[in-house]
């Protein structure tokens, strides 16, 4: 099928041996969120530099709450050790369907080499009973309007820069009224959608993932 910007992605059953074309322009050298309806090995994605997955909330060096991301795979040299030294070697592995990730691209195109198997659409969420916050993937365009219970407890990764707000592409920012997100992306939200803000928006922390 072909999906436009506001169409809902809905796959009702497994479809094997499919060639896919992902028409999305990724920012080069910055992190973007992604959810895929198929498994794919990192070796079969052209232009990919790193893939990270959500690992709950931890503390930064100042004792503040901050997002933890772990490395699923990265090209050697892309992710440095915590002490700034270089660099762990990662074996190629699978990016799983129906799972939200952060990806860093060296090309604007996420090109899948070869055929894949489309998986039935399921809720795309990374969470844990011990975590207050979950990483939630989207299968349809969403816009946060006034009164949305997620306002104040939802955070996303900026797809565009804003000089007025000192936001750069890939920064981790709080979602406000009028903000929107397309399908096959992801954002962080408090699991019980309670109106309590406890997490710090800090893109730099997210971009220093643990190995």
N, C-alpha and C. Protein backbone atom coordinates (compact mmCIF):
# COMPACT_ATOMS: atom_id res chain seq x y z
N UNK A 1 0.83 -1.20 0.00
CA UNK A 1 0.00 0.00 0.00
C UNK A 1 0.86 1.24 0.00
N UNK A 2 0.22 2.36 -0.26
CA UNK A 2 0.89 3.66 -0.23
C UNK A 2 0.21 4.51 0.84
N UNK A 3 1.03 5.11 1.71
CA UNK A 3 0.49 5.91 2.81
C UNK A 3 0.94 7.35 2.68
N UNK A 4 -0.02 8.27 2.76
CA UNK A 4 0.28 9.70 2.74
C UNK A 4 0.57 10.22 4.14
N UNK A 5 0.72 11.53 4.25
CA UNK A 5 1.16 12.15 5.50
C UNK A 5 0.18 11.95 6.64
N UNK A 6 -1.12 11.90 6.35
CA UNK A 6 -2.11 11.78 7.43
C UNK A 6 -2.79 10.41 7.47
N UNK A 7 -2.40 9.52 6.57
CA UNK A 7 -3.01 8.19 6.55
C UNK A 7 -2.54 7.35 7.73
N UNK A 8 -3.44 6.52 8.23
CA UNK A 8 -3.08 5.58 9.29
C UNK A 8 -2.44 4.34 8.67
N UNK A 9 -1.32 3.92 9.25
CA UNK A 9 -0.68 2.68 8.82
C UNK A 9 -1.38 1.53 9.54
N UNK A 10 -1.97 0.63 8.77
CA UNK A 10 -2.70 -0.49 9.36
C UNK A 10 -2.47 -1.73 8.51
N UNK A 11 -1.71 -2.68 9.05
CA UNK A 11 -1.43 -3.93 8.37
C UNK A 11 -2.08 -5.03 9.19
N UNK A 12 -2.98 -5.76 8.61
CA UNK A 12 -3.80 -6.71 9.38
C UNK A 12 -3.18 -8.10 9.48
N UNK A 13 -2.19 -8.39 8.64
CA UNK A 13 -1.57 -9.71 8.69
C UNK A 13 -0.21 -9.69 8.02
N UNK A 14 0.57 -10.72 8.23
CA UNK A 14 1.92 -10.79 7.69
C UNK A 14 1.90 -10.86 6.17
N UNK A 15 2.78 -10.06 5.54
CA UNK A 15 2.91 -10.04 4.09
C UNK A 15 4.39 -10.24 3.76
N UNK A 16 4.72 -11.34 3.13
CA UNK A 16 6.12 -11.70 2.91
C UNK A 16 6.68 -11.17 1.61
N UNK A 17 8.01 -11.03 1.58
CA UNK A 17 8.79 -10.69 0.39
C UNK A 17 8.29 -9.41 -0.28
N UNK A 18 8.34 -8.33 0.47
CA UNK A 18 7.87 -7.04 -0.02
C UNK A 18 9.06 -6.09 -0.17
N UNK A 19 9.11 -5.41 -1.30
CA UNK A 19 10.08 -4.33 -1.48
C UNK A 19 9.46 -3.04 -0.97
N UNK A 20 10.14 -2.32 -0.08
CA UNK A 20 9.58 -1.12 0.51
C UNK A 20 10.39 0.12 0.12
N UNK A 21 9.69 1.23 0.02
CA UNK A 21 10.31 2.53 -0.25
C UNK A 21 9.81 3.50 0.80
N UNK A 22 10.74 4.02 1.58
CA UNK A 22 10.39 4.91 2.69
C UNK A 22 10.70 6.34 2.26
N UNK A 23 9.67 7.07 1.84
CA UNK A 23 9.86 8.42 1.33
C UNK A 23 9.82 9.43 2.46
N UNK A 24 10.93 9.56 3.15
CA UNK A 24 11.05 10.51 4.25
C UNK A 24 12.45 11.11 4.22
N UNK A 25 12.55 12.41 4.32
CA UNK A 25 13.85 13.09 4.32
C UNK A 25 14.33 13.23 5.76
N UNK A 26 15.37 12.49 6.11
CA UNK A 26 15.92 12.53 7.46
C UNK A 26 16.96 13.64 7.58
N UNK A 27 17.03 14.29 8.74
CA UNK A 27 18.13 15.23 8.95
C UNK A 27 19.44 14.45 9.07
N UNK A 28 20.47 14.94 8.45
CA UNK A 28 21.76 14.25 8.46
C UNK A 28 22.54 14.65 9.70
N UNK A 29 23.02 13.65 10.43
CA UNK A 29 23.85 13.90 11.60
C UNK A 29 23.09 14.24 12.86
N UNK A 30 21.77 14.16 12.84
CA UNK A 30 20.94 14.42 14.02
C UNK A 30 20.05 13.20 14.26
N UNK A 31 19.55 13.07 15.49
CA UNK A 31 18.70 11.93 15.81
C UNK A 31 17.25 12.19 15.42
N UNK A 32 16.61 11.16 14.90
CA UNK A 32 15.19 11.18 14.55
C UNK A 32 14.53 9.94 15.13
N UNK A 33 13.23 10.04 15.39
CA UNK A 33 12.50 8.86 15.85
C UNK A 33 11.96 8.08 14.66
N UNK A 34 11.78 6.78 14.88
CA UNK A 34 11.29 5.95 13.79
C UNK A 34 10.57 4.73 14.37
N UNK A 35 9.52 4.29 13.68
CA UNK A 35 8.85 3.02 13.94
C UNK A 35 8.62 2.38 12.58
N UNK A 36 8.96 1.12 12.45
CA UNK A 36 8.82 0.43 11.17
C UNK A 36 7.81 -0.71 11.27
N UNK A 37 7.11 -1.01 10.18
CA UNK A 37 6.16 -2.13 10.18
C UNK A 37 6.82 -3.44 9.72
N UNK A 38 8.14 -3.52 9.77
CA UNK A 38 8.86 -4.72 9.36
C UNK A 38 10.19 -4.79 10.12
N UNK A 39 10.71 -6.00 10.24
CA UNK A 39 12.05 -6.19 10.76
C UNK A 39 13.05 -5.94 9.63
N UNK A 40 14.21 -5.37 9.98
CA UNK A 40 15.26 -5.21 8.98
C UNK A 40 16.61 -5.22 9.70
N UNK A 41 17.59 -5.88 9.10
CA UNK A 41 18.92 -5.90 9.67
C UNK A 41 19.61 -4.57 9.39
N UNK A 42 20.38 -4.10 10.36
CA UNK A 42 21.07 -2.82 10.18
C UNK A 42 22.02 -2.84 8.99
N UNK A 43 22.51 -4.01 8.61
CA UNK A 43 23.40 -4.11 7.46
C UNK A 43 22.68 -3.83 6.15
N UNK A 44 21.34 -3.91 6.17
CA UNK A 44 20.56 -3.72 4.95
C UNK A 44 19.88 -2.36 4.86
N UNK A 45 20.35 -1.40 5.67
CA UNK A 45 19.83 -0.04 5.60
C UNK A 45 20.96 0.90 5.19
N UNK A 46 20.86 1.44 3.99
CA UNK A 46 21.88 2.37 3.50
C UNK A 46 21.76 3.71 4.23
N UNK A 47 22.88 4.28 4.59
CA UNK A 47 22.89 5.62 5.18
C UNK A 47 22.74 5.65 6.68
N UNK A 48 22.60 4.50 7.31
CA UNK A 48 22.38 4.43 8.75
C UNK A 48 23.70 4.54 9.51
N UNK A 49 23.72 5.37 10.58
CA UNK A 49 24.90 5.51 11.42
C UNK A 49 24.72 4.91 12.80
N UNK A 50 23.52 5.04 13.38
CA UNK A 50 23.30 4.55 14.73
C UNK A 50 21.82 4.32 14.97
N UNK A 51 21.52 3.33 15.83
CA UNK A 51 20.16 3.04 16.26
C UNK A 51 20.17 2.93 17.78
N UNK A 52 19.29 3.69 18.44
CA UNK A 52 19.21 3.68 19.90
C UNK A 52 17.81 3.25 20.33
N UNK A 53 17.74 2.64 21.53
CA UNK A 53 16.44 2.28 22.07
C UNK A 53 16.27 2.85 23.47
N UNK A 54 15.04 3.07 23.85
CA UNK A 54 14.70 3.69 25.13
C UNK A 54 14.96 2.72 26.28
N UNK A 55 15.55 3.25 27.36
CA UNK A 55 15.91 2.42 28.50
C UNK A 55 15.50 3.08 29.82
N UNK A 56 14.37 3.79 29.80
CA UNK A 56 13.86 4.38 31.04
C UNK A 56 14.44 5.74 31.34
N UNK A 57 14.25 6.16 32.58
CA UNK A 57 14.71 7.47 33.04
C UNK A 57 15.82 7.27 34.06
N UNK A 58 16.88 8.04 33.91
CA UNK A 58 17.99 7.97 34.86
C UNK A 58 18.36 9.35 35.35
N UNK A 59 19.55 9.47 35.89
CA UNK A 59 20.05 10.74 36.40
C UNK A 59 21.24 11.21 35.56
N UNK A 60 21.29 12.51 35.29
CA UNK A 60 22.46 13.05 34.62
C UNK A 60 23.54 13.38 35.65
N UNK A 61 24.63 14.00 35.21
CA UNK A 61 25.75 14.27 36.10
C UNK A 61 25.41 15.27 37.20
N UNK A 62 24.30 16.01 37.02
CA UNK A 62 23.86 16.97 38.03
C UNK A 62 22.74 16.42 38.91
N UNK A 63 22.43 15.13 38.75
CA UNK A 63 21.39 14.51 39.56
C UNK A 63 19.98 14.78 39.09
N UNK A 64 19.83 15.34 37.88
CA UNK A 64 18.51 15.63 37.33
C UNK A 64 17.97 14.42 36.56
N UNK A 65 16.64 14.27 36.56
CA UNK A 65 16.04 13.22 35.74
C UNK A 65 16.30 13.49 34.26
N UNK A 66 16.65 12.45 33.53
CA UNK A 66 16.90 12.60 32.10
C UNK A 66 16.67 11.26 31.41
N UNK A 67 16.43 11.32 30.11
CA UNK A 67 16.15 10.12 29.33
C UNK A 67 17.42 9.29 29.15
N UNK A 68 17.26 7.97 29.27
CA UNK A 68 18.36 7.05 28.98
C UNK A 68 18.09 6.36 27.65
N UNK A 69 19.08 6.38 26.77
CA UNK A 69 19.00 5.64 25.52
C UNK A 69 20.20 4.71 25.45
N UNK A 70 19.96 3.48 25.00
CA UNK A 70 21.03 2.50 24.84
C UNK A 70 21.26 2.27 23.35
N UNK A 71 22.48 1.89 23.03
CA UNK A 71 22.84 1.66 21.63
C UNK A 71 22.45 0.25 21.20
N UNK A 72 21.63 0.17 20.15
CA UNK A 72 21.34 -1.12 19.54
C UNK A 72 22.46 -1.47 18.55
N UNK A 73 22.80 -0.48 17.72
CA UNK A 73 23.89 -0.65 16.75
C UNK A 73 24.41 0.73 16.37
N UNK A 74 25.70 0.79 16.05
CA UNK A 74 26.29 2.03 15.54
C UNK A 74 27.54 1.71 14.74
N UNK A 75 27.80 2.53 13.73
CA UNK A 75 29.07 2.45 13.03
C UNK A 75 30.20 2.78 14.01
N UNK A 76 31.32 2.15 13.84
CA UNK A 76 32.44 2.42 14.73
C UNK A 76 32.85 3.88 14.61
N UNK A 77 33.00 4.54 15.77
CA UNK A 77 33.39 5.94 15.80
C UNK A 77 32.25 6.89 16.01
N UNK A 78 31.01 6.42 15.81
CA UNK A 78 29.85 7.30 15.96
C UNK A 78 29.51 7.51 17.44
N UNK A 79 29.55 6.45 18.23
CA UNK A 79 29.23 6.53 19.66
C UNK A 79 30.52 6.34 20.46
N UNK A 80 30.90 7.35 21.22
CA UNK A 80 32.09 7.27 22.05
C UNK A 80 31.74 6.76 23.44
N UNK A 81 32.74 6.26 24.14
CA UNK A 81 32.55 5.82 25.51
C UNK A 81 32.26 7.00 26.41
N UNK A 82 31.77 6.72 27.62
CA UNK A 82 31.38 7.78 28.55
C UNK A 82 32.55 8.70 28.88
N UNK A 83 33.77 8.16 28.85
CA UNK A 83 34.95 8.98 29.18
C UNK A 83 35.51 9.70 27.96
N UNK A 84 34.81 9.60 26.82
CA UNK A 84 35.23 10.30 25.62
C UNK A 84 36.16 9.52 24.73
N UNK A 85 36.58 8.33 25.16
CA UNK A 85 37.46 7.52 24.34
C UNK A 85 36.66 6.80 23.27
N UNK A 86 37.36 6.29 22.29
CA UNK A 86 36.71 5.65 21.15
C UNK A 86 37.18 4.21 21.04
N UNK A 87 36.40 3.36 20.67
CA UNK A 87 34.96 3.30 20.44
C UNK A 87 34.61 1.81 20.36
N UNK A 88 33.49 1.44 20.81
CA UNK A 88 33.05 0.05 20.79
C UNK A 88 32.62 -0.36 19.39
N UNK A 89 32.87 -1.61 19.05
CA UNK A 89 32.42 -2.17 17.78
C UNK A 89 31.10 -2.92 17.98
N UNK A 90 30.11 -2.61 17.17
CA UNK A 90 28.79 -3.24 17.28
C UNK A 90 28.56 -4.15 16.08
N UNK A 91 28.12 -5.37 16.38
CA UNK A 91 27.75 -6.29 15.32
C UNK A 91 26.39 -5.90 14.77
N UNK A 92 26.20 -6.11 13.46
CA UNK A 92 24.91 -5.81 12.86
C UNK A 92 23.81 -6.65 13.52
N UNK A 93 22.65 -6.04 13.66
CA UNK A 93 21.54 -6.71 14.35
C UNK A 93 20.22 -6.26 13.75
N UNK A 94 19.12 -6.73 14.32
CA UNK A 94 17.79 -6.48 13.74
C UNK A 94 17.12 -5.27 14.37
N UNK A 95 16.62 -4.39 13.54
CA UNK A 95 15.68 -3.35 13.95
C UNK A 95 14.29 -4.00 13.89
N UNK A 96 13.60 -4.06 15.01
CA UNK A 96 12.35 -4.83 15.09
C UNK A 96 11.14 -4.01 14.69
N UNK A 97 10.18 -4.67 14.09
CA UNK A 97 8.90 -4.04 13.74
C UNK A 97 8.15 -3.62 15.00
N UNK A 98 7.29 -2.61 14.84
CA UNK A 98 6.39 -2.17 15.92
C UNK A 98 7.15 -1.77 17.19
N UNK A 99 8.34 -1.20 17.01
CA UNK A 99 9.19 -0.79 18.13
C UNK A 99 9.77 0.59 17.85
N UNK A 100 9.62 1.54 18.77
CA UNK A 100 10.17 2.88 18.53
C UNK A 100 11.68 2.93 18.79
N UNK A 101 12.38 3.67 17.94
CA UNK A 101 13.83 3.84 18.06
C UNK A 101 14.20 5.29 17.77
N UNK A 102 15.44 5.63 18.14
CA UNK A 102 16.10 6.81 17.60
C UNK A 102 17.11 6.34 16.58
N UNK A 103 17.18 7.03 15.44
CA UNK A 103 18.18 6.70 14.44
C UNK A 103 18.97 7.95 14.08
N UNK A 104 20.22 7.74 13.75
CA UNK A 104 21.08 8.82 13.26
C UNK A 104 21.53 8.43 11.86
N UNK A 105 21.34 9.35 10.90
CA UNK A 105 21.60 9.06 9.51
C UNK A 105 22.76 9.89 8.97
N UNK A 106 23.52 9.29 8.06
CA UNK A 106 24.55 10.06 7.35
C UNK A 106 24.05 10.47 5.96
N UNK A 107 22.93 9.88 5.55
CA UNK A 107 22.24 10.28 4.32
C UNK A 107 20.80 10.64 4.67
N UNK A 108 20.16 11.43 3.84
CA UNK A 108 18.79 11.84 4.12
C UNK A 108 17.79 10.72 3.88
N UNK A 109 18.19 9.69 3.14
CA UNK A 109 17.28 8.60 2.78
C UNK A 109 17.55 7.35 3.61
N UNK A 110 16.48 6.79 4.18
CA UNK A 110 16.53 5.51 4.87
C UNK A 110 16.16 4.46 3.82
N UNK A 111 17.16 3.92 3.15
CA UNK A 111 16.91 3.01 2.04
C UNK A 111 17.12 1.56 2.48
N UNK A 112 16.08 0.76 2.29
CA UNK A 112 16.13 -0.66 2.67
C UNK A 112 16.55 -1.48 1.46
N UNK A 113 17.66 -2.20 1.60
CA UNK A 113 18.15 -3.06 0.53
C UNK A 113 17.54 -4.45 0.65
N UNK A 114 16.92 -4.91 -0.42
CA UNK A 114 16.30 -6.23 -0.41
C UNK A 114 14.86 -6.18 0.05
N UNK A 115 14.25 -7.35 0.14
CA UNK A 115 12.83 -7.45 0.51
C UNK A 115 12.68 -7.76 2.00
N UNK A 116 11.50 -7.42 2.52
CA UNK A 116 11.21 -7.63 3.94
C UNK A 116 9.84 -8.28 4.08
N UNK A 117 9.50 -8.65 5.31
CA UNK A 117 8.17 -9.16 5.62
C UNK A 117 7.43 -8.14 6.46
N UNK A 118 6.33 -7.62 5.96
CA UNK A 118 5.52 -6.69 6.73
C UNK A 118 4.82 -7.44 7.85
N UNK A 119 4.81 -6.85 9.03
CA UNK A 119 4.19 -7.46 10.20
C UNK A 119 2.86 -6.78 10.52
N UNK A 120 1.95 -7.53 11.13
CA UNK A 120 0.68 -6.95 11.55
C UNK A 120 0.93 -5.79 12.50
N UNK A 121 0.19 -4.71 12.32
CA UNK A 121 0.36 -3.52 13.15
C UNK A 121 -0.08 -3.78 14.58
N UNK A 122 0.79 -3.47 15.52
CA UNK A 122 0.46 -3.57 16.94
C UNK A 122 0.84 -2.26 17.62
N UNK A 123 0.45 -2.10 18.87
CA UNK A 123 0.84 -0.91 19.62
C UNK A 123 2.36 -0.86 19.71
N UNK A 124 2.93 0.26 19.31
CA UNK A 124 4.39 0.41 19.26
C UNK A 124 4.86 1.20 20.48
N UNK A 125 5.09 0.50 21.57
CA UNK A 125 5.45 1.16 22.83
C UNK A 125 6.60 0.42 23.49
N UNK A 126 7.59 1.15 23.97
CA UNK A 126 8.63 0.59 24.82
C UNK A 126 8.38 1.08 26.24
N UNK A 127 8.08 0.15 27.15
CA UNK A 127 7.79 0.54 28.52
C UNK A 127 8.21 -0.59 29.46
N UNK A 128 8.02 -0.34 30.72
CA UNK A 128 8.39 -1.27 31.77
C UNK A 128 7.53 -0.93 32.98
N UNK A 129 7.00 -1.92 33.72
CA UNK A 129 6.17 -1.61 34.88
C UNK A 129 6.86 -0.72 35.91
N UNK A 130 8.19 -0.71 35.90
CA UNK A 130 8.93 0.10 36.86
C UNK A 130 9.15 1.53 36.37
N UNK A 131 8.86 1.78 35.10
CA UNK A 131 9.09 3.11 34.53
C UNK A 131 7.81 3.94 34.59
N UNK A 132 7.95 5.22 34.88
CA UNK A 132 6.81 6.14 34.83
C UNK A 132 6.56 6.68 33.43
N UNK A 133 7.57 6.57 32.59
CA UNK A 133 7.49 7.14 31.25
C UNK A 133 7.69 6.05 30.21
N UNK A 134 6.97 6.18 29.07
CA UNK A 134 7.10 5.21 27.99
C UNK A 134 7.42 5.92 26.68
N UNK A 135 8.06 5.19 25.79
CA UNK A 135 8.40 5.68 24.45
C UNK A 135 7.34 5.14 23.51
N UNK A 136 6.51 6.00 22.98
CA UNK A 136 5.29 5.60 22.26
C UNK A 136 5.40 5.93 20.78
N UNK A 137 5.27 4.89 19.95
CA UNK A 137 5.31 5.09 18.51
C UNK A 137 3.95 5.48 17.96
N UNK A 138 3.94 6.07 16.78
CA UNK A 138 2.70 6.52 16.15
C UNK A 138 2.49 5.78 14.83
N UNK A 139 1.24 5.47 14.58
CA UNK A 139 0.86 4.89 13.29
C UNK A 139 -0.04 5.82 12.49
N UNK A 140 -0.34 6.99 13.07
CA UNK A 140 -1.16 7.98 12.37
C UNK A 140 -0.76 9.37 12.83
N UNK A 141 -0.96 10.35 11.96
CA UNK A 141 -0.70 11.75 12.29
C UNK A 141 -1.46 12.14 13.55
N UNK A 142 -0.79 12.86 14.44
CA UNK A 142 -1.41 13.34 15.67
C UNK A 142 -1.05 14.81 15.88
N UNK A 143 -2.05 15.60 16.29
CA UNK A 143 -1.82 17.00 16.65
C UNK A 143 -2.34 17.22 18.06
N UNK A 144 -1.55 17.87 18.89
CA UNK A 144 -1.95 18.12 20.27
C UNK A 144 -2.75 19.42 20.35
N UNK A 145 -4.03 19.26 20.62
CA UNK A 145 -4.93 20.40 20.74
C UNK A 145 -5.12 20.75 22.22
N UNK A 146 -5.64 21.94 22.49
CA UNK A 146 -5.92 22.36 23.86
C UNK A 146 -6.83 21.35 24.53
N UNK A 147 -6.50 20.96 25.75
CA UNK A 147 -7.29 19.97 26.48
C UNK A 147 -6.78 18.55 26.35
N UNK A 148 -5.83 18.31 25.47
CA UNK A 148 -5.27 16.96 25.34
C UNK A 148 -4.59 16.57 26.65
N UNK A 149 -4.92 15.44 27.24
CA UNK A 149 -4.34 15.05 28.53
C UNK A 149 -2.84 14.83 28.48
N UNK A 150 -2.28 14.69 27.28
CA UNK A 150 -0.83 14.49 27.18
C UNK A 150 -0.04 15.78 27.28
N UNK A 151 -0.70 16.92 27.12
CA UNK A 151 0.01 18.20 27.21
C UNK A 151 0.63 18.34 28.60
N UNK A 152 1.88 18.71 28.65
CA UNK A 152 2.60 18.84 29.91
C UNK A 152 3.35 17.60 30.31
N UNK A 153 2.97 16.45 29.73
CA UNK A 153 3.65 15.20 30.07
C UNK A 153 4.07 14.44 28.81
N UNK A 154 4.24 15.14 27.71
CA UNK A 154 4.71 14.54 26.47
C UNK A 154 5.90 15.34 25.95
N UNK A 155 6.87 14.62 25.42
CA UNK A 155 8.08 15.23 24.89
C UNK A 155 8.42 14.58 23.55
N UNK A 156 8.96 15.39 22.64
CA UNK A 156 9.34 14.87 21.34
C UNK A 156 10.72 15.34 20.93
N UNK A 157 11.16 14.85 19.78
CA UNK A 157 12.46 15.22 19.24
C UNK A 157 12.22 16.14 18.04
N UNK A 158 12.72 17.35 18.13
CA UNK A 158 12.41 18.38 17.15
C UNK A 158 12.86 17.97 15.75
N UNK A 159 11.93 18.09 14.79
CA UNK A 159 12.24 17.77 13.40
C UNK A 159 12.74 19.00 12.63
N UNK A 160 12.58 20.18 13.23
CA UNK A 160 13.05 21.41 12.59
C UNK A 160 13.63 22.33 13.66
N UNK A 161 14.45 23.26 13.23
CA UNK A 161 15.10 24.17 14.18
C UNK A 161 14.26 25.42 14.39
N UNK A 162 14.50 26.11 15.52
CA UNK A 162 13.84 27.36 15.83
C UNK A 162 14.83 28.27 16.54
N UNK A 163 15.28 29.30 15.82
CA UNK A 163 16.24 30.23 16.41
C UNK A 163 15.63 30.98 17.59
N UNK A 164 14.33 31.32 17.49
CA UNK A 164 13.67 32.06 18.57
C UNK A 164 13.66 31.27 19.87
N UNK A 165 13.43 29.95 19.76
CA UNK A 165 13.35 29.11 20.95
C UNK A 165 14.65 28.37 21.25
N UNK A 166 15.69 28.66 20.46
CA UNK A 166 17.00 28.03 20.62
C UNK A 166 16.91 26.51 20.55
N UNK A 167 16.10 26.04 19.58
CA UNK A 167 15.91 24.61 19.37
C UNK A 167 16.64 24.19 18.10
N UNK A 168 17.38 23.09 18.19
CA UNK A 168 18.05 22.53 17.03
C UNK A 168 17.38 21.22 16.65
N UNK A 169 17.55 20.83 15.38
CA UNK A 169 16.99 19.56 14.92
C UNK A 169 17.54 18.43 15.80
N UNK A 170 16.64 17.57 16.28
CA UNK A 170 17.04 16.45 17.12
C UNK A 170 17.01 16.74 18.61
N UNK A 171 16.80 18.01 19.02
CA UNK A 171 16.70 18.33 20.43
C UNK A 171 15.44 17.71 21.04
N UNK A 172 15.52 17.44 22.30
CA UNK A 172 14.42 16.83 23.06
C UNK A 172 13.62 17.96 23.70
N UNK A 173 12.36 18.14 23.30
CA UNK A 173 11.60 19.32 23.70
C UNK A 173 10.21 18.94 24.19
N UNK A 174 9.65 19.78 25.04
CA UNK A 174 8.31 19.57 25.57
C UNK A 174 7.26 19.89 24.50
N UNK A 175 6.23 19.04 24.42
CA UNK A 175 5.16 19.22 23.44
C UNK A 175 4.18 20.28 23.92
N UNK A 176 3.83 21.22 23.05
CA UNK A 176 2.88 22.27 23.38
C UNK A 176 1.67 22.22 22.46
N UNK A 177 0.68 23.06 22.74
CA UNK A 177 -0.53 23.14 21.91
C UNK A 177 -0.13 23.47 20.47
N UNK A 178 -0.68 22.73 19.54
CA UNK A 178 -0.39 22.94 18.13
C UNK A 178 0.73 22.09 17.59
N UNK A 179 1.49 21.46 18.48
CA UNK A 179 2.55 20.57 18.02
C UNK A 179 1.93 19.35 17.34
N UNK A 180 2.65 18.75 16.42
CA UNK A 180 2.12 17.59 15.70
C UNK A 180 3.24 16.61 15.39
N UNK A 181 2.82 15.39 15.10
CA UNK A 181 3.77 14.34 14.77
C UNK A 181 3.15 13.45 13.71
N UNK A 182 3.95 13.03 12.76
CA UNK A 182 3.46 12.17 11.69
C UNK A 182 3.54 10.70 12.10
N UNK A 183 2.98 9.85 11.27
CA UNK A 183 3.02 8.41 11.55
C UNK A 183 4.45 7.89 11.42
N UNK A 184 4.70 6.76 12.07
CA UNK A 184 5.99 6.08 12.05
C UNK A 184 7.08 6.91 12.72
N UNK A 185 6.66 7.72 13.70
CA UNK A 185 7.58 8.45 14.58
C UNK A 185 7.30 8.01 16.01
N UNK A 186 7.93 8.67 17.00
CA UNK A 186 7.71 8.30 18.39
C UNK A 186 7.93 9.50 19.29
N UNK A 187 7.34 9.44 20.48
CA UNK A 187 7.53 10.49 21.48
C UNK A 187 7.47 9.86 22.87
N UNK A 188 7.93 10.62 23.86
CA UNK A 188 7.95 10.15 25.23
C UNK A 188 6.75 10.73 25.97
N UNK A 189 6.08 9.90 26.77
CA UNK A 189 4.91 10.38 27.50
C UNK A 189 4.81 9.65 28.82
N UNK A 190 4.29 10.34 29.83
CA UNK A 190 4.09 9.71 31.13
C UNK A 190 3.04 8.62 31.00
N UNK A 191 3.34 7.46 31.54
CA UNK A 191 2.50 6.28 31.30
C UNK A 191 1.06 6.47 31.74
N UNK A 192 0.85 7.11 32.89
CA UNK A 192 -0.52 7.30 33.38
C UNK A 192 -1.10 8.64 32.96
N UNK A 193 -0.36 9.40 32.15
CA UNK A 193 -0.78 10.72 31.64
C UNK A 193 -1.25 11.61 32.79
N UNK A 194 -0.54 11.56 33.89
CA UNK A 194 -0.83 12.45 35.02
C UNK A 194 -0.20 13.82 34.77
N UNK A 195 -0.87 14.91 35.18
CA UNK A 195 -0.36 16.26 34.90
C UNK A 195 0.78 16.65 35.82
N UNK A 196 1.86 15.88 35.78
CA UNK A 196 3.02 16.18 36.62
C UNK A 196 4.26 16.15 35.73
N UNK A 197 5.04 17.21 35.78
CA UNK A 197 6.25 17.27 34.97
C UNK A 197 7.45 16.95 35.84
N UNK A 198 8.13 15.85 35.53
CA UNK A 198 9.29 15.48 36.33
C UNK A 198 10.54 15.28 35.50
N UNK A 199 10.40 15.38 34.20
CA UNK A 199 11.55 15.07 33.35
C UNK A 199 12.09 16.31 32.67
N UNK A 200 13.38 16.36 32.52
CA UNK A 200 14.04 17.53 31.97
C UNK A 200 14.22 17.37 30.46
N UNK A 201 13.86 18.39 29.69
CA UNK A 201 14.07 18.37 28.25
C UNK A 201 15.52 18.75 27.97
N UNK A 202 16.30 17.78 27.56
CA UNK A 202 17.72 18.03 27.35
C UNK A 202 18.22 17.14 26.23
N UNK A 203 18.27 17.70 25.02
CA UNK A 203 18.70 16.92 23.88
C UNK A 203 20.12 16.42 23.98
N UNK A 204 20.99 17.19 24.62
CA UNK A 204 22.38 16.78 24.71
C UNK A 204 22.54 15.47 25.48
N UNK A 205 21.73 15.28 26.51
CA UNK A 205 21.83 14.03 27.27
C UNK A 205 21.45 12.84 26.40
N UNK A 206 20.38 12.99 25.66
CA UNK A 206 19.92 11.89 24.81
C UNK A 206 20.97 11.55 23.76
N UNK A 207 21.71 12.54 23.31
CA UNK A 207 22.69 12.32 22.25
C UNK A 207 24.02 11.80 22.81
N UNK A 208 24.08 11.51 24.10
CA UNK A 208 25.24 10.83 24.68
C UNK A 208 24.77 9.52 25.27
N UNK A 209 24.36 8.57 24.43
CA UNK A 209 23.78 7.32 24.94
C UNK A 209 24.82 6.45 25.62
N UNK A 210 24.35 5.56 26.47
CA UNK A 210 25.24 4.61 27.11
C UNK A 210 25.46 3.41 26.21
N UNK A 211 26.61 2.82 26.32
CA UNK A 211 26.95 1.70 25.46
C UNK A 211 26.62 0.37 26.13
